[in-house]
Amino acid sequence: MNGPGTTAILLEGLMTCAMVAGPLLVAALIAGIVVGLIQTVAQVNEASVSFLVKLAAVIAIAIALGPTFGRQLGEYTKHCLATLEGGQR
């Protein structure tokens, strides 16, 4: 495998990682902001509440988008294996 091929696989891997992790991180961010605002208004300072809401949001997104994430990761793996197989000949 040559340098440009390796760079292309690395770039595709980073993009796949961003597409899989992005929605989970955005869900945690939005949940954290909403809970933070509610806690500020209610003057409640409990860290476990924020953690549990973020955890529930991330789990819900992971369940909802799990098949999509699996398909993206599977396609990336197939592409990597095909590229490695083609480069070995």
C-alpha atoms as a PDB file:
ATOM      1  CA  MET A   1       0.000   0.000   0.000  1.00  0.00           C
ATOM      2  CA  ASN A   2       1.358   3.401  -0.937  1.00  0.00           C
ATOM      3  CA  GLY A   3       1.240   6.730   0.897  1.00  0.00           C
ATOM      4  CA  PRO A   4      -1.781   8.257  -0.882  1.00  0.00           C
ATOM      5  CA  GLY A   5      -3.818   5.065  -0.365  1.00  0.00           C
ATOM      6  CA  THR A   6      -2.971   5.019   3.320  1.00  0.00           C
ATOM      7  CA  THR A   7      -3.852   8.693   3.635  1.00  0.00           C
ATOM      8  CA  ALA A   8      -7.204   8.110   1.912  1.00  0.00           C
ATOM      9  CA  ILE A   9      -8.056   5.246   4.280  1.00  0.00           C
ATOM     10  CA  LEU A  10      -7.051   7.348   7.297  1.00  0.00           C
ATOM     11  CA  LEU A  11      -9.136  10.297   6.112  1.00  0.00           C
ATOM     12  CA  GLU A  12     -12.134   8.054   5.461  1.00  0.00           C
ATOM     13  CA  GLY A  13     -11.690   6.519   8.920  1.00  0.00           C
ATOM     14  CA  LEU A  14     -11.711   9.936  10.562  1.00  0.00           C
ATOM     15  CA  MET A  15     -14.824  10.941   8.620  1.00  0.00           C
ATOM     16  CA  THR A  16     -16.583   7.698   9.580  1.00  0.00           C
ATOM     17  CA  CYS A  17     -15.643   8.258  13.211  1.00  0.00           C
ATOM     18  CA  ALA A  18     -17.031  11.791  13.078  1.00  0.00           C
ATOM     19  CA  MET A  19     -20.276  10.604  11.466  1.00  0.00           C
ATOM     20  CA  VAL A  20     -20.765   7.934  14.136  1.00  0.00           C
ATOM     21  CA  ALA A  21     -19.664   9.938  17.182  1.00  0.00           C
ATOM     22  CA  GLY A  22     -21.092  13.297  16.071  1.00  0.00           C
ATOM     23  CA  PRO A  23     -24.786  12.652  16.766  1.00  0.00           C
ATOM     24  CA  LEU A  24     -23.965  11.120  20.157  1.00  0.00           C
ATOM     25  CA  LEU A  25     -21.850  14.098  21.174  1.00  0.00           C
ATOM     26  CA  VAL A  26     -24.459  16.584  19.956  1.00  0.00           C
ATOM     27  CA  ALA A  27     -27.160  14.780  21.951  1.00  0.00           C
ATOM     28  CA  ALA A  28     -25.015  14.921  25.094  1.00  0.00           C
ATOM     29  CA  LEU A  29     -24.262  18.603  24.479  1.00  0.00           C
ATOM     30  CA  ILE A  30     -27.909  19.577  24.017  1.00  0.00           C
ATOM     31  CA  ALA A  31     -29.016  17.516  27.024  1.00  0.00           C
ATOM     32  CA  GLY A  32     -26.291  19.100  29.154  1.00  0.00           C
ATOM     33  CA  ILE A  33     -27.268  22.622  28.150  1.00  0.00           C
ATOM     34  CA  VAL A  34     -30.975  22.017  28.767  1.00  0.00           C
ATOM     35  CA  VAL A  35     -30.378  20.378  32.155  1.00  0.00           C
ATOM     36  CA  GLY A  36     -27.907  23.103  33.090  1.00  0.00           C
ATOM     37  CA  LEU A  37     -30.453  25.805  32.327  1.00  0.00           C
ATOM     38  CA  ILE A  38     -33.176  23.992  34.268  1.00  0.00           C
ATOM     39  CA  GLN A  39     -30.844  23.456  37.228  1.00  0.00           C
ATOM     40  CA  THR A  40     -29.852  27.121  37.172  1.00  0.00           C
ATOM     41  CA  VAL A  41     -33.462  28.284  37.173  1.00  0.00           C
ATOM     42  CA  ALA A  42     -34.466  25.790  39.879  1.00  0.00           C
ATOM     43  CA  GLN A  43     -31.231  26.437  41.835  1.00  0.00           C
ATOM     44  CA  VAL A  44     -30.488  22.717  42.042  1.00  0.00           C
ATOM     45  CA  ASN A  45     -26.816  21.799  42.036  1.00  0.00           C
ATOM     46  CA  GLU A  46     -26.750  18.049  41.600  1.00  0.00           C
ATOM     47  CA  ALA A  47     -24.219  16.576  39.155  1.00  0.00           C
ATOM     48  CA  SER A  48     -25.836  13.152  39.003  1.00  0.00           C
ATOM     49  CA  VAL A  49     -29.020  14.575  37.454  1.00  0.00           C
ATOM     50  CA  SER A  50     -27.068  16.047  34.559  1.00  0.00           C
ATOM     51  CA  PHE A  51     -25.109  12.828  34.074  1.00  0.00           C
ATOM     52  CA  LEU A  52     -28.207  10.629  34.023  1.00  0.00           C
ATOM     53  CA  VAL A  53     -30.021  12.847  31.521  1.00  0.00           C
ATOM     54  CA  LYS A  54     -26.975  12.926  29.231  1.00  0.00           C
ATOM     55  CA  LEU A  55     -26.610   9.154  29.519  1.00  0.00           C
ATOM     56  CA  ALA A  56     -30.280   8.627  28.656  1.00  0.00           C
ATOM     57  CA  ALA A  57     -30.010  10.966  25.651  1.00  0.00           C
ATOM     58  CA  VAL A  58     -26.912   9.212  24.310  1.00  0.00           C
ATOM     59  CA  ILE A  59     -28.473   5.766  24.780  1.00  0.00           C
ATOM     60  CA  ALA A  60     -31.666   6.882  23.014  1.00  0.00           C
ATOM     61  CA  ILE A  61     -29.718   8.247  20.034  1.00  0.00           C
ATOM     62  CA  ALA A  62     -27.534   5.125  19.917  1.00  0.00           C
ATOM     63  CA  ILE A  63     -30.621   2.899  19.821  1.00  0.00           C
ATOM     64  CA  ALA A  64     -32.373   5.051  17.226  1.00  0.00           C
ATOM     65  CA  LEU A  65     -29.362   5.402  14.920  1.00  0.00           C
ATOM     66  CA  GLY A  66     -27.666   2.081  15.703  1.00  0.00           C
ATOM     67  CA  PRO A  67     -28.456   0.439  12.359  1.00  0.00           C
ATOM     68  CA  THR A  68     -27.149   3.480  10.490  1.00  0.00           C
ATOM     69  CA  PHE A  69     -23.959   3.496  12.555  1.00  0.00           C
ATOM     70  CA  GLY A  70     -23.484  -0.220  11.954  1.00  0.00           C
ATOM     71  CA  ARG A  71     -23.986   0.190   8.220  1.00  0.00           C
ATOM     72  CA  GLN A  72     -21.434   3.032   8.053  1.00  0.00           C
ATOM     73  CA  LEU A  73     -18.873   1.085  10.048  1.00  0.00           C
ATOM     74  CA  GLY A  74     -19.482  -2.040   7.968  1.00  0.00           C
ATOM     75  CA  GLU A  75     -19.005  -0.150   4.703  1.00  0.00           C
ATOM     76  CA  TYR A  76     -15.789   1.390   5.991  1.00  0.00           C
ATOM     77  CA  THR A  77     -14.491  -2.021   7.063  1.00  0.00           C
ATOM     78  CA  LYS A  78     -15.361  -3.563   3.677  1.00  0.00           C
ATOM     79  CA  HIS A  79     -13.620  -0.694   1.899  1.00  0.00           C
ATOM     80  CA  CYS A  80     -10.492  -1.065   4.048  1.00  0.00           C
ATOM     81  CA  LEU A  81     -10.335  -4.820   3.515  1.00  0.00           C
ATOM     82  CA  ALA A  82     -10.876  -4.445  -0.237  1.00  0.00           C
ATOM     83  CA  THR A  83      -8.137  -1.828  -0.412  1.00  0.00           C
ATOM     84  CA  LEU A  84      -5.728  -3.986   1.574  1.00  0.00           C
ATOM     85  CA  GLU A  85      -6.544  -7.028  -0.561  1.00  0.00           C
ATOM     86  CA  GLY A  86      -6.016  -5.051  -3.769  1.00  0.00           C
ATOM     87  CA  GLY A  87      -2.718  -3.611  -2.505  1.00  0.00           C
ATOM     88  CA  GLN A  88      -1.277  -7.032  -1.602  1.00  0.00           C
ATOM     89  CA  ARG A  89      -1.364  -8.357  -5.163  1.00  0.00           C
END
